[in-house]
Amino acid sequence: MDLYKLAFNNIRRKKLRSALTTLGIIIGVATIVVLLGMTAGATSEVQAETSKYMYDVGVIPASTSGNLLMDTQTISSVRNFPGLYDFREVTVFNEDINGKRVNFEGINDWKQVKITNGTPGVVINQAVADKLGYTIGSKIKIKNQEFSVTGISKEEQPLYVYINQDIAKQLTDNKVSVIYARVNGDPKAFSDNMEKQINGISVETKSEKVAKVQEMAGQAMLFIGFIASIALIVGIISVINTMLISVMERTRELGVLKAIGFTNWEIKGSILFESGLLGLLGGIAGVILGIVGIFLATNMLKFTSSISSMMPLWLIGGVIIGATVLSILAGLYPAMCASRLNVVEALRHE
């Protein structure tokens, strides 16, 4: 008699119970896939946006100065600092429009903005279009100057308007929020030296910025993974319950198997195989359900551009293997109980 075939038959024999047990695993796995997948996608997008900027250092107003923009004197000091070249300025400011706080950002390279309709110039994001009712051709007042909306970008939050950097700088009296630059030498040494010699600035290297993003992403993944794992643990507990009930119901059957020569290890193997199979089936079904959930969520949030990074192989493979291994571990106690059955008492069991 094939014990593994026996395990298959036992799952088929108790279809409803097996399905309900597997359902708990499916829900747990799907939750992990959706939450971690969405987080991984968002993290990948942020890291890509950070990494694609070709700069070594970013100079911003020091937090202690209380200013959000650097004046012309500070800008001149930064630009004249020895060893810096290939400068790129960005001006960011905000003001109220119809009772809503709207952010404005100067753009040097319009390839950075994902325009869905229209052309570069004055591009509003989807949130501005939805909440303020602007469309292409609408007039928008910025710092008491009137501009025409030329395009709409796909981003929804927060309220953002993109304009040419030279116009943004003029609107803020030639002030800028950040200056990116390349350096001839070690970026860290440059940043330390600049902060000492130029008052009112803070300098951050590209590597430090990427490291911060990665650190925040890691913390977010850890927290969300912990929350999502609770759902999977609940499903695993149901595996323990199901296998214990199965052992109790099959006491006589297990006694017969031991009486005809099956070893304790073979009995254990059958129970562990059955619990592992429940975990494997639940893991695969959960991944499929999670992928469907990601597709639905990304389409609702209009975040489809990063959908490929939301389904990394490490996540898909990890949750399937994890669900299988945890289910096998959940079957250890029921398997030990089955292997310790006394043959005589098991055969007398009704």
Foldseek 3Di string as FASTA:
>chain_A
DDLQVVLVVLCVVPVVLLVVLLVLQLQLLLLLLQQLLVLLLVLVVVLVLLVVDPFFKKKFFDVVVVDQWDDPVLVVVVVPPPFWDDKDFKAKDWDDDPNDIAIEIADDDCVSFAWPDFDAAKEWEPQCCVPVVADAQDWDADLNDIDGHGTYTHARDDTYIYHHRVVSCVSVVNITGMMGTYGDDRSVVVQVVCPVVRPRMHMDTSVRVSVVSVVVSVVSSVVSSVVSNVSNVVSLLSLLVVLLVVLVVCLQVLLVVVVVPDALVSLLVSLLSSQLVSLLVSLVSSNVSSLVVNVVVCVVNVNVVSSVSSRDPCSSVVSNVVSSVSSSVSSNVSSVVSSPRDSVVSNVRD
